[in-house]
N, C-alpha and C. Protein backbone atom coordinates (compact mmCIF):
# COMPACT_ATOMS: atom_id res chain seq x y z
N MET A 1 101.50 67.83 111.59
CA MET A 1 102.07 67.68 112.91
C MET A 1 101.01 68.01 113.95
N PRO A 2 100.77 67.12 114.90
CA PRO A 2 99.79 67.42 115.96
C PRO A 2 100.32 68.55 116.85
N LEU A 3 99.47 69.51 117.12
CA LEU A 3 99.89 70.66 117.92
C LEU A 3 99.41 70.53 119.34
N GLU A 4 100.25 71.01 120.25
CA GLU A 4 99.87 71.11 121.65
C GLU A 4 99.67 72.58 121.98
N LEU A 5 98.51 72.90 122.53
CA LEU A 5 98.22 74.27 122.93
C LEU A 5 97.93 74.30 124.42
N ARG A 6 98.27 75.43 125.03
CA ARG A 6 98.01 75.60 126.46
C ARG A 6 97.21 76.88 126.65
N LEU A 7 96.11 76.79 127.36
CA LEU A 7 95.29 77.95 127.67
C LEU A 7 95.98 78.77 128.75
N LEU A 8 96.15 80.05 128.50
CA LEU A 8 96.74 80.93 129.50
C LEU A 8 95.68 81.38 130.49
N PRO A 9 96.08 81.68 131.71
CA PRO A 9 95.12 82.16 132.70
C PRO A 9 94.65 83.58 132.36
N ASP A 10 93.58 83.98 132.94
CA ASP A 10 93.09 85.35 132.85
C ASP A 10 92.49 85.68 131.49
N GLN A 11 91.94 86.87 131.43
CA GLN A 11 91.40 87.40 130.19
C GLN A 11 92.30 88.54 129.74
N PHE A 12 92.33 88.76 128.44
CA PHE A 12 93.22 89.75 127.86
C PHE A 12 92.44 90.82 127.14
N ALA A 13 93.10 91.96 126.97
CA ALA A 13 92.56 93.08 126.20
C ALA A 13 93.58 93.48 125.16
N VAL A 14 93.07 94.02 124.07
CA VAL A 14 93.92 94.58 123.02
C VAL A 14 93.61 96.07 123.00
N SER A 15 94.59 96.88 123.34
CA SER A 15 94.41 98.32 123.46
C SER A 15 95.05 99.04 122.29
N ARG A 16 94.47 100.21 121.96
CA ARG A 16 95.03 101.03 120.89
C ARG A 16 95.32 102.42 121.43
N LEU A 17 96.58 102.82 121.29
CA LEU A 17 96.99 104.17 121.64
C LEU A 17 97.51 104.86 120.38
N GLU A 18 97.72 106.14 120.48
CA GLU A 18 98.24 106.89 119.35
C GLU A 18 99.70 106.50 119.10
N PRO A 19 100.16 106.59 117.85
CA PRO A 19 101.48 106.08 117.50
C PRO A 19 102.63 106.76 118.22
N GLY A 20 102.48 108.03 118.57
CA GLY A 20 103.57 108.75 119.22
C GLY A 20 103.59 108.64 120.73
N GLU A 21 102.59 107.98 121.31
CA GLU A 21 102.53 107.87 122.77
C GLU A 21 103.63 106.95 123.28
N GLY A 22 104.11 107.26 124.48
CA GLY A 22 105.07 106.37 125.13
C GLY A 22 104.36 105.14 125.65
N VAL A 23 105.15 104.13 125.97
CA VAL A 23 104.57 102.92 126.55
C VAL A 23 104.14 103.24 127.98
N PRO A 24 102.86 103.09 128.28
CA PRO A 24 102.38 103.45 129.62
C PRO A 24 102.86 102.46 130.67
N GLY A 25 102.96 102.95 131.90
CA GLY A 25 103.42 102.10 133.00
C GLY A 25 102.57 100.87 133.21
N TRP A 26 101.26 100.98 132.96
CA TRP A 26 100.38 99.83 133.19
C TRP A 26 100.72 98.67 132.26
N ALA A 27 101.41 98.94 131.15
CA ALA A 27 101.74 97.89 130.19
C ALA A 27 102.92 97.03 130.65
N SER A 28 103.46 97.32 131.81
CA SER A 28 104.56 96.49 132.32
C SER A 28 104.16 95.73 133.58
N GLY A 29 102.87 95.70 133.87
CA GLY A 29 102.38 94.98 135.03
C GLY A 29 102.46 93.47 134.84
N PRO A 30 102.11 92.72 135.88
CA PRO A 30 102.18 91.25 135.76
C PRO A 30 101.10 90.72 134.83
N SER A 31 101.51 89.97 133.84
CA SER A 31 100.59 89.39 132.87
C SER A 31 101.27 88.19 132.24
N ALA A 32 100.50 87.15 131.95
CA ALA A 32 101.05 85.96 131.31
C ALA A 32 101.49 86.25 129.88
N LEU A 33 100.98 87.36 129.32
CA LEU A 33 101.32 87.75 127.95
C LEU A 33 101.19 89.26 127.85
N ILE A 34 102.26 89.91 127.41
CA ILE A 34 102.22 91.33 127.09
C ILE A 34 102.91 91.49 125.74
N VAL A 35 102.19 92.07 124.79
CA VAL A 35 102.74 92.28 123.46
C VAL A 35 102.55 93.75 123.10
N LEU A 36 103.64 94.38 122.70
CA LEU A 36 103.61 95.76 122.23
C LEU A 36 103.93 95.76 120.75
N ALA A 37 103.12 96.46 119.98
CA ALA A 37 103.38 96.60 118.54
C ALA A 37 103.18 98.06 118.16
N ARG A 38 104.23 98.66 117.62
CA ARG A 38 104.14 100.05 117.22
C ARG A 38 104.30 100.14 115.71
N THR A 39 103.40 100.87 115.07
CA THR A 39 103.49 101.17 113.65
C THR A 39 103.39 102.68 113.51
N THR A 40 103.43 103.16 112.28
CA THR A 40 103.23 104.60 112.06
C THR A 40 101.79 105.00 112.33
N GLU A 41 100.90 104.01 112.48
CA GLU A 41 99.47 104.29 112.67
C GLU A 41 98.99 104.12 114.11
N GLU A 42 99.70 103.32 114.91
CA GLU A 42 99.19 103.03 116.25
C GLU A 42 100.25 102.40 117.15
N LEU A 43 99.96 102.42 118.44
CA LEU A 43 100.65 101.61 119.43
C LEU A 43 99.60 100.65 119.96
N SER A 44 99.80 99.37 119.75
CA SER A 44 98.85 98.35 120.17
C SER A 44 99.47 97.57 121.33
N ILE A 45 98.69 97.37 122.38
CA ILE A 45 99.17 96.65 123.57
C ILE A 45 98.18 95.54 123.90
N THR A 46 98.68 94.32 123.96
CA THR A 46 97.88 93.18 124.37
C THR A 46 98.40 92.74 125.74
N CYS A 47 97.50 92.67 126.73
CA CYS A 47 97.91 92.28 128.08
C CYS A 47 96.67 91.87 128.88
N ASP A 48 96.91 91.44 130.11
CA ASP A 48 95.83 91.11 131.03
C ASP A 48 94.88 92.30 131.08
N GLU A 49 93.60 92.06 130.86
CA GLU A 49 92.66 93.17 130.77
C GLU A 49 92.54 93.96 132.07
N ARG A 50 92.90 93.37 133.19
CA ARG A 50 92.82 94.09 134.47
C ARG A 50 93.84 95.22 134.55
N LEU A 51 94.87 95.16 133.72
CA LEU A 51 95.89 96.20 133.72
C LEU A 51 95.46 97.45 132.96
N VAL A 52 94.53 97.31 132.03
CA VAL A 52 94.15 98.40 131.14
C VAL A 52 93.16 99.32 131.87
N PRO A 53 93.54 100.58 132.06
CA PRO A 53 92.66 101.50 132.78
C PRO A 53 91.37 101.79 131.99
N GLU A 54 90.32 102.10 132.72
CA GLU A 54 89.09 102.55 132.09
C GLU A 54 89.42 103.80 131.28
N GLY A 55 88.74 103.98 130.19
CA GLY A 55 88.97 105.14 129.36
C GLY A 55 89.99 104.92 128.25
N VAL A 56 90.75 103.83 128.34
CA VAL A 56 91.68 103.49 127.27
C VAL A 56 90.91 102.70 126.23
N ARG A 57 91.07 103.09 124.97
CA ARG A 57 90.38 102.37 123.89
C ARG A 57 90.90 100.93 123.85
N ALA A 58 90.00 99.97 124.06
CA ALA A 58 90.42 98.57 124.13
C ALA A 58 89.27 97.63 123.81
N GLU A 59 89.62 96.52 123.24
CA GLU A 59 88.70 95.40 123.08
C GLU A 59 89.07 94.41 124.18
N ARG A 60 88.14 94.10 125.03
CA ARG A 60 88.39 93.24 126.18
C ARG A 60 87.73 91.87 125.98
N GLY A 61 88.05 90.95 126.89
CA GLY A 61 87.35 89.68 126.90
C GLY A 61 87.94 88.61 126.00
N PHE A 62 89.25 88.63 125.80
CA PHE A 62 89.91 87.59 125.01
C PHE A 62 90.54 86.54 125.93
N ARG A 63 90.58 85.31 125.46
CA ARG A 63 91.37 84.26 126.09
C ARG A 63 92.48 83.88 125.12
N ALA A 64 93.61 83.48 125.66
CA ALA A 64 94.79 83.20 124.84
C ALA A 64 95.18 81.73 124.92
N LEU A 65 95.44 81.17 123.75
CA LEU A 65 95.97 79.80 123.63
C LEU A 65 97.39 79.89 123.09
N MET A 66 98.32 79.31 123.80
CA MET A 66 99.72 79.32 123.39
C MET A 66 100.07 78.00 122.72
N VAL A 67 100.69 78.07 121.56
CA VAL A 67 101.21 76.86 120.92
C VAL A 67 102.48 76.49 121.67
N CYS A 68 102.52 75.28 122.23
CA CYS A 68 103.68 74.86 123.00
C CYS A 68 104.88 74.75 122.06
N GLY A 69 105.92 75.40 122.41
CA GLY A 69 107.12 75.47 121.57
C GLY A 69 108.34 75.20 122.39
N PRO A 70 109.47 75.67 121.95
CA PRO A 70 109.64 76.63 120.87
C PRO A 70 109.43 76.00 119.50
N LEU A 71 108.99 76.86 118.57
CA LEU A 71 108.74 76.45 117.20
C LEU A 71 109.92 76.87 116.33
N PRO A 72 110.35 76.01 115.42
CA PRO A 72 111.43 76.41 114.52
C PRO A 72 110.93 77.47 113.53
N PHE A 73 111.82 78.35 113.10
CA PHE A 73 111.43 79.41 112.19
C PHE A 73 111.04 78.88 110.81
N ASP A 74 111.46 77.67 110.47
CA ASP A 74 111.11 77.13 109.16
C ASP A 74 109.85 76.25 109.20
N ALA A 75 109.16 76.22 110.34
CA ALA A 75 107.90 75.46 110.43
C ALA A 75 106.85 76.16 109.58
N VAL A 76 106.06 75.37 108.87
CA VAL A 76 105.01 75.95 108.02
C VAL A 76 103.65 75.36 108.40
N GLY A 77 102.62 76.16 108.24
CA GLY A 77 101.26 75.68 108.39
C GLY A 77 100.71 75.67 109.80
N ILE A 78 101.47 76.12 110.77
CA ILE A 78 100.99 76.05 112.15
C ILE A 78 99.78 76.97 112.34
N LEU A 79 99.95 78.24 112.04
CA LEU A 79 98.81 79.16 112.18
C LEU A 79 97.71 78.84 111.18
N ALA A 80 98.08 78.37 110.00
CA ALA A 80 97.07 78.02 109.00
C ALA A 80 96.18 76.90 109.51
N GLY A 81 96.75 75.90 110.16
CA GLY A 81 95.96 74.80 110.71
C GLY A 81 95.02 75.26 111.80
N ILE A 82 95.53 76.11 112.69
CA ILE A 82 94.70 76.63 113.77
C ILE A 82 93.60 77.52 113.20
N ALA A 83 93.99 78.42 112.31
CA ALA A 83 93.01 79.33 111.72
C ALA A 83 91.96 78.57 110.92
N GLY A 84 92.36 77.53 110.23
CA GLY A 84 91.40 76.73 109.46
C GLY A 84 90.38 76.06 110.35
N ALA A 85 90.85 75.49 111.46
CA ALA A 85 89.93 74.83 112.39
C ALA A 85 88.95 75.82 113.00
N LEU A 86 89.45 77.00 113.38
CA LEU A 86 88.58 78.01 113.98
C LEU A 86 87.66 78.63 112.93
N SER A 87 88.16 78.84 111.73
CA SER A 87 87.33 79.39 110.66
C SER A 87 86.17 78.46 110.33
N ALA A 88 86.44 77.16 110.29
CA ALA A 88 85.38 76.20 110.00
C ALA A 88 84.28 76.24 111.05
N ALA A 89 84.63 76.66 112.26
CA ALA A 89 83.65 76.78 113.34
C ALA A 89 83.14 78.22 113.48
N ALA A 90 83.49 79.08 112.52
CA ALA A 90 83.06 80.49 112.51
C ALA A 90 83.51 81.24 113.77
N ILE A 91 84.76 80.99 114.19
CA ILE A 91 85.31 81.64 115.37
C ILE A 91 86.44 82.58 114.93
N PRO A 92 86.26 83.89 115.12
CA PRO A 92 87.32 84.84 114.78
C PRO A 92 88.52 84.67 115.73
N LEU A 93 89.69 85.05 115.24
CA LEU A 93 90.89 84.95 116.06
C LEU A 93 91.78 86.14 115.85
N LEU A 94 92.65 86.35 116.81
CA LEU A 94 93.74 87.31 116.71
C LEU A 94 95.00 86.50 116.93
N ALA A 95 95.92 86.52 115.97
CA ALA A 95 97.16 85.74 116.06
C ALA A 95 98.32 86.65 116.42
N ILE A 96 99.18 86.18 117.30
CA ILE A 96 100.37 86.90 117.72
C ILE A 96 101.53 85.91 117.71
N SER A 97 102.65 86.33 117.15
CA SER A 97 103.83 85.48 117.14
C SER A 97 104.94 86.13 117.93
N THR A 98 105.71 85.29 118.63
CA THR A 98 106.90 85.74 119.34
C THR A 98 108.10 84.97 118.78
N PHE A 99 109.26 85.17 119.34
CA PHE A 99 110.45 84.47 118.87
C PHE A 99 110.27 82.96 118.99
N ASP A 100 109.68 82.50 120.09
CA ASP A 100 109.59 81.06 120.36
C ASP A 100 108.32 80.38 119.88
N THR A 101 107.21 81.13 119.80
CA THR A 101 105.95 80.43 119.56
C THR A 101 104.87 81.36 119.02
N ASP A 102 103.68 80.83 118.89
CA ASP A 102 102.51 81.57 118.43
C ASP A 102 101.43 81.53 119.51
N TYR A 103 100.63 82.58 119.51
CA TYR A 103 99.49 82.69 120.41
C TYR A 103 98.26 82.99 119.57
N VAL A 104 97.14 82.43 119.96
CA VAL A 104 95.87 82.71 119.30
C VAL A 104 94.90 83.18 120.37
N LEU A 105 94.31 84.35 120.15
CA LEU A 105 93.33 84.90 121.07
C LEU A 105 91.95 84.76 120.46
N VAL A 106 90.99 84.32 121.28
CA VAL A 106 89.60 84.22 120.88
C VAL A 106 88.76 84.87 121.97
N ARG A 107 87.58 85.29 121.60
CA ARG A 107 86.68 85.87 122.60
C ARG A 107 86.35 84.83 123.65
N ALA A 108 86.29 85.26 124.90
CA ALA A 108 86.03 84.35 126.02
C ALA A 108 84.74 83.57 125.84
N GLU A 109 83.71 84.23 125.30
CA GLU A 109 82.43 83.53 125.14
C GLU A 109 82.48 82.46 124.06
N ARG A 110 83.53 82.45 123.24
CA ARG A 110 83.68 81.43 122.19
C ARG A 110 84.77 80.41 122.54
N LEU A 111 85.33 80.51 123.74
CA LEU A 111 86.45 79.65 124.12
C LEU A 111 86.11 78.17 124.05
N ASP A 112 85.00 77.75 124.63
CA ASP A 112 84.65 76.33 124.62
C ASP A 112 84.50 75.80 123.20
N ALA A 113 83.86 76.59 122.35
CA ALA A 113 83.69 76.18 120.95
C ALA A 113 85.04 76.13 120.24
N ALA A 114 85.93 77.06 120.57
CA ALA A 114 87.27 77.06 119.97
C ALA A 114 88.05 75.82 120.38
N ILE A 115 88.01 75.47 121.64
CA ILE A 115 88.72 74.28 122.12
C ILE A 115 88.15 73.04 121.45
N THR A 116 86.84 72.96 121.34
CA THR A 116 86.21 71.81 120.67
C THR A 116 86.68 71.72 119.22
N ALA A 117 86.71 72.85 118.52
CA ALA A 117 87.14 72.87 117.12
C ALA A 117 88.60 72.46 116.99
N LEU A 118 89.44 72.97 117.86
CA LEU A 118 90.87 72.64 117.80
C LEU A 118 91.11 71.17 118.12
N ARG A 119 90.43 70.66 119.12
CA ARG A 119 90.57 69.23 119.43
C ARG A 119 90.07 68.37 118.27
N GLY A 120 88.99 68.80 117.63
CA GLY A 120 88.47 68.09 116.48
C GLY A 120 89.44 68.07 115.32
N ALA A 121 90.34 69.06 115.27
CA ALA A 121 91.36 69.14 114.23
C ALA A 121 92.64 68.41 114.63
N GLY A 122 92.61 67.73 115.79
CA GLY A 122 93.77 66.94 116.21
C GLY A 122 94.71 67.62 117.18
N CYS A 123 94.39 68.81 117.61
CA CYS A 123 95.24 69.53 118.59
C CYS A 123 94.90 69.06 120.00
N SER A 124 95.89 69.08 120.85
CA SER A 124 95.61 68.87 122.27
C SER A 124 95.62 70.25 122.95
N VAL A 125 94.68 70.45 123.87
CA VAL A 125 94.56 71.73 124.55
C VAL A 125 94.58 71.46 126.04
N THR A 126 95.56 72.05 126.71
CA THR A 126 95.71 71.91 128.15
C THR A 126 95.11 73.12 128.84
N PRO A 127 94.26 72.93 129.83
CA PRO A 127 93.68 74.08 130.55
C PRO A 127 94.75 74.86 131.30
N ALA A 128 94.37 76.08 131.68
CA ALA A 128 95.29 76.97 132.44
C ALA A 128 95.60 76.36 133.79
């Protein structure tokens, strides 16, 4: 199935806090994507990097591509196709899924190469 992806505006950061910490106020600021994931090992927050205060442990400089959805829960191979295209181009990714769709984050400096690889795999990519 040909996939349609849309580039989200802005750059994103993935932050790591301790597992028992509360969700900080900055994690509810305006952002095209905010994802909170809590495990027994960590609280991870993905959001617009401008929201993340200095001093917070974070990997910055990601761009996000959204798979246009909503996607049915029984769809198979969507992330595998994207990951395969990016892997073939030696581009690391961070995948995030929501109820409606999937997101793939790549480093900003690899964005052009990622878009080229995805288009080469038959995906359409719409700019932000």
